Amino acid sequence: SQTEISAGSSVSLSCQLYSYDGVSCDYWISSEGI
């Protein structure tokens, strides 16, 4: 939650695609090559 992180610290960056439930990103990845 810090804007500045000290060297030696581990950080995880989570990238998520939010999609309409009726046309989920699972569908786009499997059928459209997303």
All heavy atoms as atom14 arrays in JSON, in Angstrom:
{
  "sequence": "SQTEISAGSSVSLSCQLYSYDGVSCDYWISSEGI",
  "atom14_mask": [
    [1, 1, 1, 1, 1, 1, 0, 0, 0, 0, 0, 0, 0, 0],
    [1, 1, 1, 1, 1, 1, 1, 1, 1, 0, 0, 0, 0, 0],
    [1, 1, 1, 1, 1, 1, 1, 0, 0, 0, 0, 0, 0, 0],
    [1, 1, 1, 1, 1, 1, 1, 1, 1, 0, 0, 0, 0, 0],
    [1, 1, 1, 1, 1, 1, 1, 1, 0, 0, 0, 0, 0, 0],
    [1, 1, 1, 1, 1, 1, 0, 0, 0, 0, 0, 0, 0, 0],
    [1, 1, 1, 1, 1, 0, 0, 0, 0, 0, 0, 0, 0, 0],
    [1, 1, 1, 1, 0, 0, 0, 0, 0, 0, 0, 0, 0, 0],
    [1, 1, 1, 1, 1, 1, 0, 0, 0, 0, 0, 0, 0, 0],
    [1, 1, 1, 1, 1, 1, 0, 0, 0, 0, 0, 0, 0, 0],
    [1, 1, 1, 1, 1, 1, 1, 0, 0, 0, 0, 0, 0, 0],
    [1, 1, 1, 1, 1, 1, 0, 0, 0, 0, 0, 0, 0, 0],
    [1, 1, 1, 1, 1, 1, 1, 1, 0, 0, 0, 0, 0, 0],
    [1, 1, 1, 1, 1, 1, 0, 0, 0, 0, 0, 0, 0, 0],
    [1, 1, 1, 1, 1, 1, 0, 0, 0, 0, 0, 0, 0, 0],
    [1, 1, 1, 1, 1, 1, 1, 1, 1, 0, 0, 0, 0, 0],
    [1, 1, 1, 1, 1, 1, 1, 1, 0, 0, 0, 0, 0, 0],
    [1, 1, 1, 1, 1, 1, 1, 1, 1, 1, 1, 1, 0, 0],
    [1, 1, 1, 1, 1, 1, 0, 0, 0, 0, 0, 0, 0, 0],
    [1, 1, 1, 1, 1, 1, 1, 1, 1, 1, 1, 1, 0, 0],
    [1, 1, 1, 1, 1, 1, 1, 1, 0, 0, 0, 0, 0, 0],
    [1, 1, 1, 1, 0, 0, 0, 0, 0, 0, 0, 0, 0, 0],
    [1, 1, 1, 1, 1, 1, 1, 0, 0, 0, 0, 0, 0, 0],
    [1, 1, 1, 1, 1, 1, 0, 0, 0, 0, 0, 0, 0, 0],
    [1, 1, 1, 1, 1, 1, 0, 0, 0, 0, 0, 0, 0, 0],
    [1, 1, 1, 1, 1, 1, 1, 1, 0, 0, 0, 0, 0, 0],
    [1, 1, 1, 1, 1, 1, 1, 1, 1, 1, 1, 1, 0, 0],
    [1, 1, 1, 1, 1, 1, 1, 1, 1, 1, 1, 1, 1, 1],
    [1, 1, 1, 1, 1, 1, 1, 1, 0, 0, 0, 0, 0, 0],
    [1, 1, 1, 1, 1, 1, 0, 0, 0, 0, 0, 0, 0, 0],
    [1, 1, 1, 1, 1, 1, 0, 0, 0, 0, 0, 0, 0, 0],
    [1, 1, 1, 1, 1, 1, 1, 1, 1, 0, 0, 0, 0, 0],
    [1, 1, 1, 1, 0, 0, 0, 0, 0, 0, 0, 0, 0, 0],
    [1, 1, 1, 1, 1, 1, 1, 1, 0, 0, 0, 0, 0, 0]
  ],
  "atom14_positions": [
    [[0.82, -1.21, 0.0], [0.0, 0.0, 0.0], [0.85, 1.25, 0.0], [0.34, 2.37, -0.12], [-0.92, 0.01, 1.23], [-0.14, -0.03, 2.43], [0.0, 0.0, 0.0], [0.0, 0.0, 0.0], [0.0, 0.0, 0.0], [0.0, 0.0, 0.0], [0.0, 0.0, 0.0], [0.0, 0.0, 0.0], [0.0, 0.0, 0.0], [0.0, 0.0, 0.0]],
    [[2.18, 1.09, 0.11], [3.09, 2.23, 0.15], [3.38, 2.74, -1.26], [3.47, 1.95, -2.2], [4.4, 1.86, 0.85], [4.23, 1.39, 2.3], [5.54, 0.85, 2.87], [6.31, 0.21, 2.17], [5.78, 1.13, 4.14], [0.0, 0.0, 0.0], [0.0, 0.0, 0.0], [0.0, 0.0, 0.0], [0.0, 0.0, 0.0], [0.0, 0.0, 0.0]],
    [[3.55, 4.03, -1.39], [3.91, 4.6, -2.69], [5.39, 4.39, -2.98], [5.8, 4.35, -4.14], [3.59, 6.1, -2.72], [4.24, 6.75, -1.63], [2.08, 6.34, -2.62], [0.0, 0.0, 0.0], [0.0, 0.0, 0.0], [0.0, 0.0, 0.0], [0.0, 0.0, 0.0], [0.0, 0.0, 0.0], [0.0, 0.0, 0.0], [0.0, 0.0, 0.0]],
    [[6.21, 4.28, -1.93], [7.63, 3.99, -2.1], [7.96, 2.73, -1.31], [7.59, 2.6, -0.14], [8.5, 5.16, -1.63], [8.34, 6.41, -2.49], [9.37, 7.48, -2.14], [10.04, 7.33, -1.11], [9.5, 8.44, -2.93], [0.0, 0.0, 0.0], [0.0, 0.0, 0.0], [0.0, 0.0, 0.0], [0.0, 0.0, 0.0], [0.0, 0.0, 0.0]],
    [[8.68, 1.8, -1.94], [8.98, 0.51, -1.34], [10.49, 0.38, -1.19], [11.24, 0.79, -2.09], [8.42, -0.63, -2.21], [6.96, -0.35, -2.6], [8.52, -1.97, -1.47], [6.42, -1.29, -3.65], [0.0, 0.0, 0.0], [0.0, 0.0, 0.0], [0.0, 0.0, 0.0], [0.0, 0.0, 0.0], [0.0, 0.0, 0.0], [0.0, 0.0, 0.0]],
    [[10.95, -0.17, -0.09], [12.39, -0.27, 0.14], [12.99, -1.43, -0.65], [12.34, -2.45, -0.92], [12.67, -0.47, 1.63], [12.03, -1.64, 2.11], [0.0, 0.0, 0.0], [0.0, 0.0, 0.0], [0.0, 0.0, 0.0], [0.0, 0.0, 0.0], [0.0, 0.0, 0.0], [0.0, 0.0, 0.0], [0.0, 0.0, 0.0], [0.0, 0.0, 0.0]],
    [[14.26, -1.23, -1.06], [14.99, -2.3, -1.75], [15.09, -3.52, -0.84], [15.21, -3.4, 0.37], [16.38, -1.8, -2.14], [0.0, 0.0, 0.0], [0.0, 0.0, 0.0], [0.0, 0.0, 0.0], [0.0, 0.0, 0.0], [0.0, 0.0, 0.0], [0.0, 0.0, 0.0], [0.0, 0.0, 0.0], [0.0, 0.0, 0.0], [0.0, 0.0, 0.0]],
    [[15.02, -4.69, -1.45], [15.04, -5.93, -0.69], [13.66, -6.45, -0.35], [13.51, -7.6, 0.09], [0.0, 0.0, 0.0], [0.0, 0.0, 0.0], [0.0, 0.0, 0.0], [0.0, 0.0, 0.0], [0.0, 0.0, 0.0], [0.0, 0.0, 0.0], [0.0, 0.0, 0.0], [0.0, 0.0, 0.0], [0.0, 0.0, 0.0], [0.0, 0.0, 0.0]],
    [[12.65, -5.61, -0.54], [11.27, -6.03, -0.27], [10.71, -6.79, -1.46], [11.06, -6.53, -2.6], [10.38, -4.82, 0.03], [10.82, -4.13, 1.16], [0.0, 0.0, 0.0], [0.0, 0.0, 0.0], [0.0, 0.0, 0.0], [0.0, 0.0, 0.0], [0.0, 0.0, 0.0], [0.0, 0.0, 0.0], [0.0, 0.0, 0.0], [0.0, 0.0, 0.0]],
    [[9.82, -7.71, -1.16], [9.13, -8.45, -2.21], [7.81, -7.75, -2.51], [7.12, -7.3, -1.59], [8.88, -9.89, -1.78], [8.13, -10.59, -2.76], [0.0, 0.0, 0.0], [0.0, 0.0, 0.0], [0.0, 0.0, 0.0], [0.0, 0.0, 0.0], [0.0, 0.0, 0.0], [0.0, 0.0, 0.0], [0.0, 0.0, 0.0], [0.0, 0.0, 0.0]],
    [[7.5, -7.62, -3.78], [6.24, -7.0, -4.17], [5.54, -7.86, -5.22], [6.2, -8.47, -6.08], [6.49, -5.57, -4.71], [7.33, -5.6, -5.98], [5.18, -4.83, -4.96], [0.0, 0.0, 0.0], [0.0, 0.0, 0.0], [0.0, 0.0, 0.0], [0.0, 0.0, 0.0], [0.0, 0.0, 0.0], [0.0, 0.0, 0.0], [0.0, 0.0, 0.0]],
    [[4.23, -7.94, -5.1], [3.43, -8.67, -6.09], [2.49, -7.7, -6.77], [1.79, -6.92, -6.11], [2.61, -9.78, -5.41], [3.46, -10.81, -4.94], [0.0, 0.0, 0.0], [0.0, 0.0, 0.0], [0.0, 0.0, 0.0], [0.0, 0.0, 0.0], [0.0, 0.0, 0.0], [0.0, 0.0, 0.0], [0.0, 0.0, 0.0], [0.0, 0.0, 0.0]],
    [[2.49, -7.73, -8.1], [1.61, -6.89, -8.9], [0.58, -7.79, -9.58], [0.94, -8.67, -10.36], [2.41, -6.12, -9.95], [3.55, -5.24, -9.42], [4.29, -4.59, -10.59], [3.02, -4.19, -8.47], [0.0, 0.0, 0.0], [0.0, 0.0, 0.0], [0.0, 0.0, 0.0], [0.0, 0.0, 0.0], [0.0, 0.0, 0.0], [0.0, 0.0, 0.0]],
    [[-0.67, -7.57, -9.24], [-1.75, -8.4, -9.77], [-2.47, -7.64, -10.87], [-2.99, -6.54, -10.66], [-2.72, -8.77, -8.65], [-3.78, -9.57, -9.14], [0.0, 0.0, 0.0], [0.0, 0.0, 0.0], [0.0, 0.0, 0.0], [0.0, 0.0, 0.0], [0.0, 0.0, 0.0], [0.0, 0.0, 0.0], [0.0, 0.0, 0.0], [0.0, 0.0, 0.0]],
    [[-2.5, -8.22, -12.06], [-3.14, -7.59, -13.22], [-4.38, -8.42, -13.58], [-4.29, -9.62, -13.83], [-2.17, -7.56, -14.4], [-2.86, -6.82, -15.89], [0.0, 0.0, 0.0], [0.0, 0.0, 0.0], [0.0, 0.0, 0.0], [0.0, 0.0, 0.0], [0.0, 0.0, 0.0], [0.0, 0.0, 0.0], [0.0, 0.0, 0.0], [0.0, 0.0, 0.0]],
    [[-5.53, -7.74, -13.59], [-6.78, -8.46, -13.82], [-7.62, -7.77, -14.88], [-7.69, -6.54, -14.94], [-7.59, -8.58, -12.52], [-8.86, -9.42, -12.66], [-9.45, -9.81, -11.32], [-8.85, -9.57, -10.28], [-10.61, -10.43, -11.35], [0.0, 0.0, 0.0], [0.0, 0.0, 0.0], [0.0, 0.0, 0.0], [0.0, 0.0, 0.0], [0.0, 0.0, 0.0]],
    [[-8.25, -8.58, -15.73], [-9.17, -8.08, -16.74], [-10.59, -8.33, -16.24], [-11.0, -9.47, -16.05], [-8.95, -8.78, -18.07], [-9.81, -8.31, -19.25], [-9.5, -6.86, -19.59], [-9.61, -9.2, -20.47], [0.0, 0.0, 0.0], [0.0, 0.0, 0.0], [0.0, 0.0, 0.0], [0.0, 0.0, 0.0], [0.0, 0.0, 0.0], [0.0, 0.0, 0.0]],
    [[-11.32, -7.24, -16.01], [-12.7, -7.33, -15.54], [-13.62, -7.28, -16.74], [-13.59, -6.33, -17.52], [-13.01, -6.18, -14.58], [-12.26, -6.25, -13.26], [-10.96, -5.78, -13.17], [-12.86, -6.81, -12.13], [-10.26, -5.85, -11.96], [-12.18, -6.88, -10.93], [-10.88, -6.41, -10.86], [-10.19, -6.49, -9.66], [0.0, 0.0, 0.0], [0.0, 0.0, 0.0]],
    [[-14.46, -8.32, -16.88], [-15.33, -8.44, -18.05], [-16.75, -8.76, -17.63], [-16.99, -9.38, -16.59], [-14.82, -9.54, -19.0], [-13.59, -9.19, -19.57], [0.0, 0.0, 0.0], [0.0, 0.0, 0.0], [0.0, 0.0, 0.0], [0.0, 0.0, 0.0], [0.0, 0.0, 0.0], [0.0, 0.0, 0.0], [0.0, 0.0, 0.0], [0.0, 0.0, 0.0]],
    [[-17.69, -8.34, -18.47], [-19.1, -8.63, -18.27], [-19.3, -10.13, -18.1], [-18.76, -10.93, -18.87], [-19.89, -8.1, -19.47], [-21.36, -8.43, -19.49], [-22.17, -8.14, -18.4], [-21.94, -9.01, -20.61], [-23.52, -8.43, -18.44], [-23.3, -9.29, -20.66], [-24.08, -9.0, -19.56], [-25.43, -9.28, -19.59], [0.0, 0.0, 0.0], [0.0, 0.0, 0.0]],
    [[-20.08, -10.51, -17.09], [-20.27, -11.93, -16.79], [-20.78, -12.72, -17.99], [-20.46, -13.89, -18.15], [-21.24, -12.1, -15.61], [-20.61, -11.68, -14.29], [-19.42, -11.33, -14.31], [-21.3, -11.7, -13.26], [0.0, 0.0, 0.0], [0.0, 0.0, 0.0], [0.0, 0.0, 0.0], [0.0, 0.0, 0.0], [0.0, 0.0, 0.0], [0.0, 0.0, 0.0]],
    [[-21.58, -12.06, -18.84], [-22.12, -12.76, -19.99], [-21.11, -13.0, -21.08], [-21.29, -13.86, -21.94], [0.0, 0.0, 0.0], [0.0, 0.0, 0.0], [0.0, 0.0, 0.0], [0.0, 0.0, 0.0], [0.0, 0.0, 0.0], [0.0, 0.0, 0.0], [0.0, 0.0, 0.0], [0.0, 0.0, 0.0], [0.0, 0.0, 0.0], [0.0, 0.0, 0.0]],
    [[-20.01, -12.22, -21.07], [-18.95, -12.37, -22.08], [-17.62, -12.29, -21.33], [-16.91, -11.3, -21.4], [-19.02, -11.27, -23.17], [-18.13, -11.63, -24.35], [-20.45, -11.07, -23.64], [0.0, 0.0, 0.0], [0.0, 0.0, 0.0], [0.0, 0.0, 0.0], [0.0, 0.0, 0.0], [0.0, 0.0, 0.0], [0.0, 0.0, 0.0], [0.0, 0.0, 0.0]],
    [[-17.29, -13.33, -20.58], [-16.13, -13.28, -19.7], [-14.83, -13.32, -20.48], [-14.79, -13.71, -21.65], [-16.17, -14.46, -18.72], [-15.91, -15.67, -19.41], [0.0, 0.0, 0.0], [0.0, 0.0, 0.0], [0.0, 0.0, 0.0], [0.0, 0.0, 0.0], [0.0, 0.0, 0.0], [0.0, 0.0, 0.0], [0.0, 0.0, 0.0], [0.0, 0.0, 0.0]],
    [[-13.74, -12.93, -19.81], [-12.44, -12.97, -20.49], [-12.02, -14.42, -20.76], [-11.19, -14.65, -21.64], [-11.4, -12.22, -19.69], [-11.17, -12.79, -18.01], [0.0, 0.0, 0.0], [0.0, 0.0, 0.0], [0.0, 0.0, 0.0], [0.0, 0.0, 0.0], [0.0, 0.0, 0.0], [0.0, 0.0, 0.0], [0.0, 0.0, 0.0], [0.0, 0.0, 0.0]],
    [[-12.56, -15.38, -20.01], [-12.31, -16.79, -20.33], [-12.73, -17.07, -21.78], [-12.03, -17.74, -22.53], [-13.1, -17.72, -19.4], [-12.49, -17.8, -18.01], [-11.34, -17.35, -17.86], [-13.15, -18.3, -17.11], [0.0, 0.0, 0.0], [0.0, 0.0, 0.0], [0.0, 0.0, 0.0], [0.0, 0.0, 0.0], [0.0, 0.0, 0.0], [0.0, 0.0, 0.0]],
    [[-13.89, -16.53, -22.16], [-14.4, -16.72, -23.51], [-13.47, -16.08, -24.53], [-13.13, -16.68, -25.55], [-15.8, -16.14, -23.63], [-16.28, -16.03, -25.06], [-16.79, -17.13, -25.73], [-16.19, -14.82, -25.75], [-17.22, -17.04, -27.04], [-16.62, -14.71, -27.06], [-17.12, -15.83, -27.7], [-17.54, -15.72, -29.0], [0.0, 0.0, 0.0], [0.0, 0.0, 0.0]],
    [[-13.05, -14.83, -24.26], [-12.21, -14.12, -25.22], [-10.85, -14.78, -25.39], [-10.3, -14.84, -26.48], [-12.03, -12.66, -24.79], [-13.31, -11.91, -24.94], [-14.1, -11.42, -23.95], [-13.99, -11.63, -26.16], [-15.23, -10.85, -24.48], [-15.18, -10.96, -25.83], [-13.69, -11.88, -27.5], [-16.07, -10.53, -26.8], [-14.59, -11.45, -28.46], [-15.76, -10.8, -28.1]],
    [[-10.32, -15.31, -24.29], [-9.02, -15.97, -24.36], [-9.12, -17.26, -25.18], [-8.26, -17.57, -26.01], [-8.47, -16.24, -22.95], [-8.0, -14.91, -22.33], [-7.32, -17.24, -22.98], [-7.64, -15.01, -20.87], [0.0, 0.0, 0.0], [0.0, 0.0, 0.0], [0.0, 0.0, 0.0], [0.0, 0.0, 0.0], [0.0, 0.0, 0.0], [0.0, 0.0, 0.0]],
    [[-10.2, -18.01, -24.97], [-10.33, -19.3, -25.65], [-10.75, -19.17, -27.1], [-10.32, -19.95, -27.95], [-11.33, -20.19, -24.89], [-12.62, -19.59, -24.88], [0.0, 0.0, 0.0], [0.0, 0.0, 0.0], [0.0, 0.0, 0.0], [0.0, 0.0, 0.0], [0.0, 0.0, 0.0], [0.0, 0.0, 0.0], [0.0, 0.0, 0.0], [0.0, 0.0, 0.0]],
    [[-11.59, -18.17, -27.42], [-12.15, -18.11, -28.77], [-11.57, -17.01, -29.64], [-11.61, -17.1, -30.86], [-13.67, -17.95, -28.69], [-14.0, -16.68, -28.16], [0.0, 0.0, 0.0], [0.0, 0.0, 0.0], [0.0, 0.0, 0.0], [0.0, 0.0, 0.0], [0.0, 0.0, 0.0], [0.0, 0.0, 0.0], [0.0, 0.0, 0.0], [0.0, 0.0, 0.0]],
    [[-11.04, -15.94, -29.02], [-10.58, -14.79, -29.8], [-9.08, -14.54, -29.67], [-8.57, -13.56, -30.2], [-11.35, -13.53, -29.38], [-12.85, -13.6, -29.61], [-13.22, -13.55, -31.08], [-12.36, -13.16, -31.9], [-14.37, -13.91, -31.42], [0.0, 0.0, 0.0], [0.0, 0.0, 0.0], [0.0, 0.0, 0.0], [0.0, 0.0, 0.0], [0.0, 0.0, 0.0]],
    [[-8.38, -15.41, -28.96], [-6.93, -15.26, -28.86], [-6.49, -14.12, -27.97], [-5.36, -13.61, -28.1], [0.0, 0.0, 0.0], [0.0, 0.0, 0.0], [0.0, 0.0, 0.0], [0.0, 0.0, 0.0], [0.0, 0.0, 0.0], [0.0, 0.0, 0.0], [0.0, 0.0, 0.0], [0.0, 0.0, 0.0], [0.0, 0.0, 0.0], [0.0, 0.0, 0.0]],
    [[-7.36, -13.67, -27.05], [-6.99, -12.63, -26.1], [-6.04, -13.22, -25.06], [-6.24, -14.31, -24.56], [-8.24, -12.05, -25.41], [-9.15, -11.36, -26.44], [-7.87, -11.07, -24.3], [-8.54, -10.13, -27.08], [0.0, 0.0, 0.0], [0.0, 0.0, 0.0], [0.0, 0.0, 0.0], [0.0, 0.0, 0.0], [0.0, 0.0, 0.0], [0.0, 0.0, 0.0]]
  ]
}
